[in-house]
């Protein structure tokens, strides 16, 4: 995860990233989200064993939750299919999506 995260920042023209079924888990998703380039518009995190904590990290990267993660993340497509996101994670994502400047809303 660390190697991928260190590489992502250099890919300034990256528009789409498919990380489905890579077993990132909650601990792996936060460093990657922080490293995503501002050019990214599509992110697939399906089948990554994410729970409420991973969903909260995604929400923070989208601008919800007051985190210092990549505040310039401007996704127009996001897949979190087949993860274990529960009510708390869903609420965090809903709040982030409800933000006026969220392009996914």
C-alpha atoms as a PDB file:
ATOM      1  CA  UNK A   1       0.000   0.000   0.000  1.00  0.00           C
ATOM      2  CA  UNK A   2       2.796   2.420   0.888  1.00  0.00           C
ATOM      3  CA  UNK A   3       4.533   1.903  -2.466  1.00  0.00           C
ATOM      4  CA  UNK A   4       1.314   2.473  -4.406  1.00  0.00           C
ATOM      5  CA  UNK A   5       0.469   5.545  -2.342  1.00  0.00           C
ATOM      6  CA  UNK A   6       3.908   7.039  -2.947  1.00  0.00           C
ATOM      7  CA  UNK A   7       3.500   6.519  -6.703  1.00  0.00           C
ATOM      8  CA  UNK A   8      -0.038   7.887  -7.051  1.00  0.00           C
ATOM      9  CA  UNK A   9       0.927  11.490  -6.337  1.00  0.00           C
ATOM     10  CA  UNK A  10       3.174  11.554  -9.407  1.00  0.00           C
ATOM     11  CA  UNK A  11       0.354  10.462 -11.718  1.00  0.00           C
ATOM     12  CA  UNK A  12      -1.098  13.930 -12.170  1.00  0.00           C
ATOM     13  CA  UNK A  13      -3.130  13.021 -15.274  1.00  0.00           C
ATOM     14  CA  UNK A  14      -4.730   9.893 -13.763  1.00  0.00           C
ATOM     15  CA  UNK A  15      -8.505  10.023 -14.269  1.00  0.00           C
ATOM     16  CA  UNK A  16      -9.690   6.512 -13.368  1.00  0.00           C
ATOM     17  CA  UNK A  17      -8.416   3.982 -10.853  1.00  0.00           C
ATOM     18  CA  UNK A  18      -9.763   0.465 -10.370  1.00  0.00           C
ATOM     19  CA  UNK A  19      -8.683  -0.967  -7.021  1.00  0.00           C
ATOM     20  CA  UNK A  20     -11.523  -3.494  -6.821  1.00  0.00           C
ATOM     21  CA  UNK A  21     -10.780  -6.777  -5.060  1.00  0.00           C
ATOM     22  CA  UNK A  22      -7.365  -5.725  -3.787  1.00  0.00           C
ATOM     23  CA  UNK A  23      -8.069  -6.409  -0.089  1.00  0.00           C
ATOM     24  CA  UNK A  24      -7.131  -2.896   0.994  1.00  0.00           C
ATOM     25  CA  UNK A  25      -9.200  -2.993   4.141  1.00  0.00           C
ATOM     26  CA  UNK A  26      -9.821   0.017   6.348  1.00  0.00           C
ATOM     27  CA  UNK A  27      -6.156   0.510   7.206  1.00  0.00           C
ATOM     28  CA  UNK A  28      -5.041   0.483   3.585  1.00  0.00           C
ATOM     29  CA  UNK A  29      -7.639   2.800   2.106  1.00  0.00           C
ATOM     30  CA  UNK A  30      -6.794   5.972   4.075  1.00  0.00           C
ATOM     31  CA  UNK A  31      -3.168   6.315   2.866  1.00  0.00           C
ATOM     32  CA  UNK A  32      -4.279   5.729  -0.716  1.00  0.00           C
ATOM     33  CA  UNK A  33      -7.061   8.300  -0.500  1.00  0.00           C
ATOM     34  CA  UNK A  34      -4.613  10.868   0.815  1.00  0.00           C
ATOM     35  CA  UNK A  35      -2.305  10.246  -2.156  1.00  0.00           C
ATOM     36  CA  UNK A  36      -4.864  10.371  -4.970  1.00  0.00           C
ATOM     37  CA  UNK A  37      -4.214  13.076  -7.559  1.00  0.00           C
ATOM     38  CA  UNK A  38      -6.747  15.870  -8.041  1.00  0.00           C
ATOM     39  CA  UNK A  39      -7.243  14.726 -11.645  1.00  0.00           C
ATOM     40  CA  UNK A  40      -8.988  11.513 -10.532  1.00  0.00           C
ATOM     41  CA  UNK A  41     -12.688  11.378 -11.399  1.00  0.00           C
ATOM     42  CA  UNK A  42     -13.493   7.652 -11.074  1.00  0.00           C
ATOM     43  CA  UNK A  43     -12.525   5.322  -8.223  1.00  0.00           C
ATOM     44  CA  UNK A  44     -13.524   1.674  -7.789  1.00  0.00           C
ATOM     45  CA  UNK A  45     -13.072   0.324  -4.258  1.00  0.00           C
ATOM     46  CA  UNK A  46     -15.449  -2.644  -4.580  1.00  0.00           C
ATOM     47  CA  UNK A  47     -14.633  -5.901  -2.746  1.00  0.00           C
ATOM     48  CA  UNK A  48     -12.026  -4.375  -0.438  1.00  0.00           C
ATOM     49  CA  UNK A  49     -13.256  -5.482   2.978  1.00  0.00           C
ATOM     50  CA  UNK A  50     -14.126  -1.920   3.934  1.00  0.00           C
ATOM     51  CA  UNK A  51     -16.276  -1.350   7.000  1.00  0.00           C
ATOM     52  CA  UNK A  52     -17.682   1.788   8.582  1.00  0.00           C
ATOM     53  CA  UNK A  53     -14.146   3.019   9.259  1.00  0.00           C
ATOM     54  CA  UNK A  54     -13.151   2.724   5.606  1.00  0.00           C
ATOM     55  CA  UNK A  55     -16.359   4.461   4.550  1.00  0.00           C
ATOM     56  CA  UNK A  56     -15.606   7.272   6.994  1.00  0.00           C
ATOM     57  CA  UNK A  57     -12.162   7.654   5.406  1.00  0.00           C
ATOM     58  CA  UNK A  58     -13.769   7.891   1.971  1.00  0.00           C
ATOM     59  CA  UNK A  59     -16.266  10.432   3.295  1.00  0.00           C
ATOM     60  CA  UNK A  60     -13.451  12.492   4.782  1.00  0.00           C
ATOM     61  CA  UNK A  61     -11.588  12.435   1.459  1.00  0.00           C
ATOM     62  CA  UNK A  62     -14.735  13.719  -0.237  1.00  0.00           C
ATOM     63  CA  UNK A  63     -14.808  16.638   2.160  1.00  0.00           C
ATOM     64  CA  UNK A  64     -16.966  15.364   4.992  1.00  0.00           C
ATOM     65  CA  UNK A  65     -15.822  14.753   8.549  1.00  0.00           C
ATOM     66  CA  UNK A  66     -13.225  17.482   8.848  1.00  0.00           C
ATOM     67  CA  UNK A  67     -10.285  15.229   7.999  1.00  0.00           C
ATOM     68  CA  UNK A  68      -7.017  16.465   6.577  1.00  0.00           C
ATOM     69  CA  UNK A  69      -7.161  13.842   3.810  1.00  0.00           C
ATOM     70  CA  UNK A  70      -7.078  14.957   0.206  1.00  0.00           C
ATOM     71  CA  UNK A  71      -9.588  17.797   0.208  1.00  0.00           C
ATOM     72  CA  UNK A  72      -9.168  18.202  -3.553  1.00  0.00           C
ATOM     73  CA  UNK A  73     -10.671  14.773  -4.320  1.00  0.00           C
ATOM     74  CA  UNK A  74     -13.398  15.567  -6.865  1.00  0.00           C
ATOM     75  CA  UNK A  75     -14.826  12.212  -7.908  1.00  0.00           C
ATOM     76  CA  UNK A  76     -17.764  11.922 -10.271  1.00  0.00           C
ATOM     77  CA  UNK A  77     -17.886   8.102  -9.930  1.00  0.00           C
ATOM     78  CA  UNK A  78     -17.254   5.964  -6.854  1.00  0.00           C
ATOM     79  CA  UNK A  79     -17.917   2.261  -6.274  1.00  0.00           C
ATOM     80  CA  UNK A  80     -18.028   0.804  -2.779  1.00  0.00           C
ATOM     81  CA  UNK A  81     -19.981  -2.309  -3.803  1.00  0.00           C
ATOM     82  CA  UNK A  82     -19.540  -5.561  -1.916  1.00  0.00           C
ATOM     83  CA  UNK A  83     -17.976  -4.041   1.192  1.00  0.00           C
ATOM     84  CA  UNK A  84     -19.187  -4.300   4.782  1.00  0.00           C
ATOM     85  CA  UNK A  85     -20.266  -0.694   5.203  1.00  0.00           C
ATOM     86  CA  UNK A  86     -22.849  -0.362   7.959  1.00  0.00           C
ATOM     87  CA  UNK A  87     -25.122   2.450   9.153  1.00  0.00           C
ATOM     88  CA  UNK A  88     -22.372   4.641  10.646  1.00  0.00           C
ATOM     89  CA  UNK A  89     -20.316   4.520   7.461  1.00  0.00           C
ATOM     90  CA  UNK A  90     -23.394   5.143   5.349  1.00  0.00           C
ATOM     91  CA  UNK A  91     -24.278   8.204   7.441  1.00  0.00           C
ATOM     92  CA  UNK A  92     -20.744   9.583   7.008  1.00  0.00           C
ATOM     93  CA  UNK A  93     -20.931   9.032   3.251  1.00  0.00           C
ATOM     94  CA  UNK A  94     -24.390  10.614   3.130  1.00  0.00           C
ATOM     95  CA  UNK A  95     -23.140  13.704   4.934  1.00  0.00           C
ATOM     96  CA  UNK A  96     -20.188  14.011   2.546  1.00  0.00           C
ATOM     97  CA  UNK A  97     -22.452  13.558  -0.467  1.00  0.00           C
ATOM     98  CA  UNK A  98     -24.819  16.161   0.909  1.00  0.00           C
ATOM     99  CA  UNK A  99     -22.075  18.794   0.981  1.00  0.00           C
ATOM    100  CA  UNK A 100     -22.762  21.536  -1.545  1.00  0.00           C
ATOM    101  CA  UNK A 101     -19.375  21.136  -3.245  1.00  0.00           C
ATOM    102  CA  UNK A 102     -19.451  17.321  -3.617  1.00  0.00           C
ATOM    103  CA  UNK A 103     -19.534  16.415  -7.338  1.00  0.00           C
ATOM    104  CA  UNK A 104     -21.058  13.001  -6.565  1.00  0.00           C
ATOM    105  CA  UNK A 105     -24.190  14.578  -5.110  1.00  0.00           C
END
